[in-house]
Amino acid sequence: MDGSSHVEEIIEWDTQTRLVLRFQDFSPPLKNLAQYFIEEWRFSKLPLGTSIVRKMSMYPKGLAGLLFLLPISRLMKKAFELQRDSGENGADLAPEALRDIVQTGAGSL
C-alpha cells in the first residue's frame, strides 16, 4: 500500500442492471487534483452469459488536475483491459462481452 486513502460510496445499485460508485475525499496529492471519480458497471444478459460495461469518469480540479489525470486515466484503462483479458472478473461472460471505458476531460475524465 502507498498510504493513500479515499472514500468509496455506492450511489446507485440495481443488482440486475447497474452499480455506480463515487470515489472522493482523496488524500494528498490527489486531493488537490481531483474532485471525485465515478465508476459505473452496467450488466445485461446475453444468450451466452452477461455483458459488462465498466466506465470510469474522473472530475479534475482545474487545468493542473486535468493534466495530471489524463495519463492516470490511460493507466487505469490499461489496468481494466488487463483485468478483462485475464478473466479476473468473477462473472459468467459471453465472449467479447466486457468493455472498459475510461473518460477524461473537463466535465468527465
N, C-alpha and C. Protein backbone atom coordinates (compact mmCIF):
# COMPACT_ATOMS: atom_id res chain seq x y z
N MET A 1 0.84 -1.18 0.00
CA MET A 1 0.00 0.00 0.00
C MET A 1 0.89 1.25 0.00
N ASP A 2 0.41 2.28 -0.64
CA ASP A 2 1.18 3.52 -0.77
C ASP A 2 0.80 4.57 0.27
N GLY A 3 -0.13 4.27 1.18
CA GLY A 3 -0.51 5.22 2.21
C GLY A 3 -1.62 6.17 1.80
N SER A 4 -2.05 6.11 0.54
CA SER A 4 -3.12 6.99 0.10
C SER A 4 -4.47 6.46 0.60
N SER A 5 -5.44 7.36 0.64
CA SER A 5 -6.77 6.95 1.09
C SER A 5 -7.84 7.73 0.33
N HIS A 6 -9.04 7.20 0.36
CA HIS A 6 -10.20 7.85 -0.23
C HIS A 6 -11.45 7.19 0.33
N VAL A 7 -12.60 7.79 0.06
CA VAL A 7 -13.89 7.24 0.47
C VAL A 7 -14.60 6.74 -0.78
N GLU A 8 -15.14 5.53 -0.72
CA GLU A 8 -15.94 4.97 -1.80
C GLU A 8 -17.38 4.89 -1.33
N GLU A 9 -18.28 5.44 -2.14
CA GLU A 9 -19.69 5.47 -1.78
C GLU A 9 -20.50 4.84 -2.92
N ILE A 10 -21.37 3.90 -2.57
CA ILE A 10 -22.28 3.35 -3.57
C ILE A 10 -23.41 4.36 -3.72
N ILE A 11 -23.56 4.89 -4.93
CA ILE A 11 -24.60 5.90 -5.14
C ILE A 11 -25.80 5.37 -5.94
N GLU A 12 -25.63 4.22 -6.56
CA GLU A 12 -26.74 3.56 -7.24
C GLU A 12 -26.45 2.08 -7.31
N TRP A 13 -27.46 1.27 -7.01
CA TRP A 13 -27.26 -0.17 -7.02
C TRP A 13 -28.55 -0.87 -7.42
N ASP A 14 -28.55 -1.39 -8.60
CA ASP A 14 -29.63 -2.24 -9.09
C ASP A 14 -28.95 -3.56 -9.41
N THR A 15 -29.17 -4.58 -8.62
CA THR A 15 -28.42 -5.83 -8.75
C THR A 15 -28.56 -6.49 -10.11
N GLN A 16 -29.59 -6.14 -10.85
CA GLN A 16 -29.79 -6.75 -12.17
C GLN A 16 -29.12 -5.98 -13.30
N THR A 17 -28.93 -4.65 -13.14
CA THR A 17 -28.51 -3.87 -14.31
C THR A 17 -27.36 -2.90 -14.09
N ARG A 18 -27.13 -2.44 -12.85
CA ARG A 18 -26.19 -1.32 -12.74
C ARG A 18 -25.67 -1.14 -11.31
N LEU A 19 -24.39 -0.75 -11.23
CA LEU A 19 -23.76 -0.38 -9.97
C LEU A 19 -22.95 0.88 -10.24
N VAL A 20 -23.13 1.92 -9.41
CA VAL A 20 -22.39 3.17 -9.58
C VAL A 20 -21.74 3.53 -8.25
N LEU A 21 -20.42 3.79 -8.31
CA LEU A 21 -19.64 4.16 -7.13
C LEU A 21 -19.06 5.55 -7.31
N ARG A 22 -18.94 6.28 -6.21
CA ARG A 22 -18.30 7.59 -6.22
C ARG A 22 -17.08 7.50 -5.31
N PHE A 23 -15.91 7.86 -5.85
CA PHE A 23 -14.66 7.89 -5.10
C PHE A 23 -14.38 9.35 -4.78
N GLN A 24 -14.15 9.68 -3.52
CA GLN A 24 -14.00 11.07 -3.11
C GLN A 24 -13.13 11.18 -1.85
N ASP A 25 -12.97 12.39 -1.37
CA ASP A 25 -12.19 12.66 -0.15
C ASP A 25 -10.81 12.00 -0.23
N PHE A 26 -10.12 12.26 -1.32
CA PHE A 26 -8.79 11.70 -1.54
C PHE A 26 -7.77 12.31 -0.59
N SER A 27 -6.74 11.55 -0.31
CA SER A 27 -5.60 12.10 0.43
C SER A 27 -4.68 12.81 -0.56
N PRO A 28 -3.80 13.70 -0.07
CA PRO A 28 -2.86 14.37 -0.98
C PRO A 28 -1.93 13.35 -1.63
N PRO A 29 -1.48 13.59 -2.83
CA PRO A 29 -1.64 14.78 -3.65
C PRO A 29 -2.92 14.78 -4.50
N LEU A 30 -3.61 13.63 -4.61
CA LEU A 30 -4.80 13.55 -5.46
C LEU A 30 -5.90 14.51 -4.98
N LYS A 31 -5.94 14.76 -3.69
CA LYS A 31 -6.92 15.69 -3.12
C LYS A 31 -6.86 17.06 -3.81
N ASN A 32 -5.68 17.48 -4.20
CA ASN A 32 -5.50 18.78 -4.82
C ASN A 32 -5.75 18.78 -6.32
N LEU A 33 -5.94 17.60 -6.90
CA LEU A 33 -6.03 17.48 -8.35
C LEU A 33 -7.38 16.96 -8.85
N ALA A 34 -8.13 16.25 -8.00
CA ALA A 34 -9.39 15.64 -8.43
C ALA A 34 -10.50 15.95 -7.45
N GLN A 35 -11.67 16.27 -8.01
CA GLN A 35 -12.85 16.46 -7.17
C GLN A 35 -13.38 15.10 -6.73
N TYR A 36 -13.62 14.22 -7.72
CA TYR A 36 -14.12 12.87 -7.45
C TYR A 36 -14.03 12.04 -8.72
N PHE A 37 -14.22 10.72 -8.56
CA PHE A 37 -14.31 9.79 -9.69
C PHE A 37 -15.67 9.11 -9.58
N ILE A 38 -16.25 8.76 -10.72
CA ILE A 38 -17.46 7.95 -10.76
C ILE A 38 -17.14 6.68 -11.55
N GLU A 39 -17.40 5.53 -10.94
CA GLU A 39 -17.22 4.25 -11.63
C GLU A 39 -18.59 3.61 -11.80
N GLU A 40 -18.89 3.25 -13.03
CA GLU A 40 -20.19 2.65 -13.35
C GLU A 40 -19.99 1.28 -13.97
N TRP A 41 -20.75 0.32 -13.49
CA TRP A 41 -20.79 -1.03 -14.05
C TRP A 41 -22.22 -1.26 -14.54
N ARG A 42 -22.38 -1.60 -15.83
CA ARG A 42 -23.70 -1.92 -16.40
C ARG A 42 -23.70 -3.38 -16.83
N PHE A 43 -24.77 -4.09 -16.48
CA PHE A 43 -24.89 -5.51 -16.76
C PHE A 43 -26.11 -5.76 -17.63
N SER A 44 -25.96 -6.64 -18.60
CA SER A 44 -27.11 -7.07 -19.39
C SER A 44 -26.93 -8.53 -19.78
N LYS A 45 -28.02 -9.26 -19.72
CA LYS A 45 -27.99 -10.69 -20.06
C LYS A 45 -27.85 -10.88 -21.56
N LEU A 46 -27.01 -11.84 -21.91
CA LEU A 46 -26.85 -12.27 -23.30
C LEU A 46 -27.11 -13.77 -23.36
N PRO A 47 -27.38 -14.30 -24.53
CA PRO A 47 -27.64 -15.74 -24.63
C PRO A 47 -26.50 -16.60 -24.08
N LEU A 48 -25.25 -16.14 -24.21
CA LEU A 48 -24.11 -16.94 -23.76
C LEU A 48 -23.49 -16.46 -22.46
N GLY A 49 -24.13 -15.54 -21.74
CA GLY A 49 -23.55 -15.04 -20.49
C GLY A 49 -24.05 -13.65 -20.16
N THR A 50 -23.16 -12.83 -19.68
CA THR A 50 -23.50 -11.48 -19.25
C THR A 50 -22.57 -10.48 -19.89
N SER A 51 -23.14 -9.40 -20.40
CA SER A 51 -22.34 -8.29 -20.92
C SER A 51 -22.09 -7.33 -19.76
N ILE A 52 -20.84 -6.91 -19.61
CA ILE A 52 -20.49 -5.96 -18.57
C ILE A 52 -19.77 -4.79 -19.23
N VAL A 53 -20.27 -3.59 -18.96
CA VAL A 53 -19.60 -2.38 -19.43
C VAL A 53 -19.15 -1.63 -18.18
N ARG A 54 -17.88 -1.34 -18.11
CA ARG A 54 -17.29 -0.64 -16.97
C ARG A 54 -16.80 0.71 -17.44
N LYS A 55 -17.23 1.76 -16.76
CA LYS A 55 -16.88 3.13 -17.15
C LYS A 55 -16.38 3.89 -15.92
N MET A 56 -15.26 4.57 -16.09
CA MET A 56 -14.70 5.40 -15.02
C MET A 56 -14.66 6.84 -15.54
N SER A 57 -15.30 7.74 -14.83
CA SER A 57 -15.26 9.17 -15.17
C SER A 57 -14.55 9.89 -14.04
N MET A 58 -13.59 10.75 -14.40
CA MET A 58 -12.79 11.49 -13.43
C MET A 58 -13.06 12.97 -13.59
N TYR A 59 -13.22 13.65 -12.48
CA TYR A 59 -13.54 15.08 -12.49
C TYR A 59 -12.39 15.85 -11.84
N PRO A 60 -11.60 16.53 -12.66
CA PRO A 60 -10.39 17.21 -12.16
C PRO A 60 -10.71 18.54 -11.50
N LYS A 61 -9.75 19.01 -10.73
CA LYS A 61 -9.77 20.37 -10.19
C LYS A 61 -8.84 21.21 -11.07
N GLY A 62 -9.39 22.01 -11.95
CA GLY A 62 -8.61 22.92 -12.76
C GLY A 62 -7.73 22.25 -13.79
N LEU A 63 -6.94 23.09 -14.45
CA LEU A 63 -6.06 22.63 -15.52
C LEU A 63 -4.98 21.68 -15.02
N ALA A 64 -4.41 21.96 -13.85
CA ALA A 64 -3.38 21.08 -13.30
C ALA A 64 -3.94 19.68 -13.06
N GLY A 65 -5.17 19.61 -12.54
CA GLY A 65 -5.81 18.32 -12.32
C GLY A 65 -6.04 17.58 -13.62
N LEU A 66 -6.49 18.31 -14.63
CA LEU A 66 -6.72 17.70 -15.94
C LEU A 66 -5.43 17.14 -16.52
N LEU A 67 -4.36 17.91 -16.45
CA LEU A 67 -3.07 17.46 -16.99
C LEU A 67 -2.54 16.24 -16.24
N PHE A 68 -2.79 16.19 -14.95
CA PHE A 68 -2.34 15.06 -14.13
C PHE A 68 -3.19 13.82 -14.38
N LEU A 69 -4.51 14.00 -14.51
CA LEU A 69 -5.41 12.86 -14.61
C LEU A 69 -5.43 12.21 -16.00
N LEU A 70 -5.07 12.95 -17.02
CA LEU A 70 -5.05 12.34 -18.36
C LEU A 70 -4.15 11.11 -18.43
N PRO A 71 -2.88 11.19 -18.00
CA PRO A 71 -2.06 9.96 -18.05
C PRO A 71 -2.55 8.90 -17.06
N ILE A 72 -3.10 9.32 -15.92
CA ILE A 72 -3.64 8.36 -14.95
C ILE A 72 -4.80 7.59 -15.58
N SER A 73 -5.65 8.29 -16.34
CA SER A 73 -6.79 7.62 -16.98
C SER A 73 -6.32 6.57 -17.98
N ARG A 74 -5.24 6.86 -18.68
CA ARG A 74 -4.71 5.88 -19.64
C ARG A 74 -4.19 4.63 -18.92
N LEU A 75 -3.52 4.85 -17.79
CA LEU A 75 -3.04 3.71 -16.99
C LEU A 75 -4.21 2.89 -16.45
N MET A 76 -5.26 3.57 -16.01
CA MET A 76 -6.42 2.86 -15.50
C MET A 76 -7.10 2.05 -16.60
N LYS A 77 -7.19 2.62 -17.79
CA LYS A 77 -7.80 1.89 -18.89
C LYS A 77 -7.01 0.63 -19.20
N LYS A 78 -5.67 0.74 -19.18
CA LYS A 78 -4.83 -0.44 -19.39
C LYS A 78 -5.08 -1.49 -18.30
N ALA A 79 -5.20 -1.04 -17.05
CA ALA A 79 -5.45 -1.96 -15.94
C ALA A 79 -6.81 -2.65 -16.12
N PHE A 80 -7.83 -1.91 -16.54
CA PHE A 80 -9.14 -2.50 -16.80
C PHE A 80 -9.03 -3.56 -17.90
N GLU A 81 -8.31 -3.23 -18.96
CA GLU A 81 -8.16 -4.17 -20.07
C GLU A 81 -7.40 -5.43 -19.64
N LEU A 82 -6.36 -5.26 -18.83
CA LEU A 82 -5.61 -6.42 -18.33
C LEU A 82 -6.50 -7.31 -17.47
N GLN A 83 -7.32 -6.69 -16.63
CA GLN A 83 -8.23 -7.45 -15.78
C GLN A 83 -9.24 -8.20 -16.66
N ARG A 84 -9.78 -7.52 -17.65
CA ARG A 84 -10.74 -8.14 -18.56
C ARG A 84 -10.10 -9.34 -19.27
N ASP A 85 -8.91 -9.13 -19.81
CA ASP A 85 -8.26 -10.15 -20.62
C ASP A 85 -7.76 -11.34 -19.79
N SER A 86 -7.51 -11.12 -18.50
CA SER A 86 -7.02 -12.21 -17.65
C SER A 86 -8.15 -13.04 -17.07
N GLY A 87 -9.40 -12.59 -17.25
CA GLY A 87 -10.54 -13.33 -16.72
C GLY A 87 -10.73 -13.18 -15.23
N GLU A 88 -10.21 -12.10 -14.63
CA GLU A 88 -10.33 -11.89 -13.19
C GLU A 88 -11.63 -11.18 -12.83
N ASN A 89 -12.67 -11.36 -13.59
CA ASN A 89 -13.91 -10.63 -13.37
C ASN A 89 -14.86 -11.35 -12.42
N GLY A 90 -14.70 -12.67 -12.30
CA GLY A 90 -15.61 -13.42 -11.46
C GLY A 90 -17.01 -13.50 -12.03
N ALA A 91 -17.19 -13.21 -13.31
CA ALA A 91 -18.52 -13.21 -13.92
C ALA A 91 -18.58 -14.24 -15.04
N ASP A 92 -19.77 -14.69 -15.33
CA ASP A 92 -20.01 -15.59 -16.45
C ASP A 92 -20.19 -14.73 -17.69
N LEU A 93 -19.12 -14.53 -18.45
CA LEU A 93 -19.13 -13.59 -19.56
C LEU A 93 -19.28 -14.30 -20.89
N ALA A 94 -20.06 -13.68 -21.75
CA ALA A 94 -20.09 -14.13 -23.14
C ALA A 94 -18.79 -13.68 -23.79
N PRO A 95 -18.31 -14.37 -24.81
CA PRO A 95 -17.09 -13.93 -25.49
C PRO A 95 -17.20 -12.49 -25.97
N GLU A 96 -16.15 -11.73 -25.76
CA GLU A 96 -16.09 -10.33 -26.21
C GLU A 96 -17.14 -9.45 -25.55
N ALA A 97 -17.68 -9.85 -24.40
CA ALA A 97 -18.80 -9.12 -23.81
C ALA A 97 -18.40 -8.02 -22.85
N LEU A 98 -17.16 -8.00 -22.39
CA LEU A 98 -16.76 -6.99 -21.41
C LEU A 98 -16.06 -5.84 -22.11
N ARG A 99 -16.56 -4.63 -21.89
CA ARG A 99 -15.94 -3.43 -22.45
C ARG A 99 -15.60 -2.50 -21.30
N ASP A 100 -14.44 -1.89 -21.37
CA ASP A 100 -13.99 -0.95 -20.36
C ASP A 100 -13.80 0.41 -21.01
N ILE A 101 -14.25 1.45 -20.34
CA ILE A 101 -14.13 2.80 -20.87
C ILE A 101 -13.61 3.70 -19.75
N VAL A 102 -12.57 4.46 -20.04
CA VAL A 102 -12.12 5.49 -19.12
C VAL A 102 -12.18 6.81 -19.87
N GLN A 103 -12.93 7.77 -19.34
CA GLN A 103 -13.07 9.06 -19.99
C GLN A 103 -12.29 10.10 -19.22
N THR A 104 -11.73 11.07 -19.95
CA THR A 104 -11.06 12.19 -19.32
C THR A 104 -11.49 13.46 -20.02
N GLY A 105 -11.55 14.54 -19.29
CA GLY A 105 -11.94 15.82 -19.88
C GLY A 105 -12.38 16.78 -18.80
N ALA A 106 -12.80 17.94 -19.20
CA ALA A 106 -13.19 18.97 -18.23
C ALA A 106 -14.39 18.55 -17.41
N GLY A 107 -15.39 17.95 -18.04
CA GLY A 107 -16.58 17.54 -17.31
C GLY A 107 -16.57 16.08 -16.94
N SER A 108 -15.81 15.31 -17.64
CA SER A 108 -15.81 13.87 -17.43
C SER A 108 -14.45 13.32 -17.81
N LEU A 109 -13.78 12.68 -16.87
CA LEU A 109 -12.47 12.09 -17.16
C LEU A 109 -12.60 10.63 -17.39
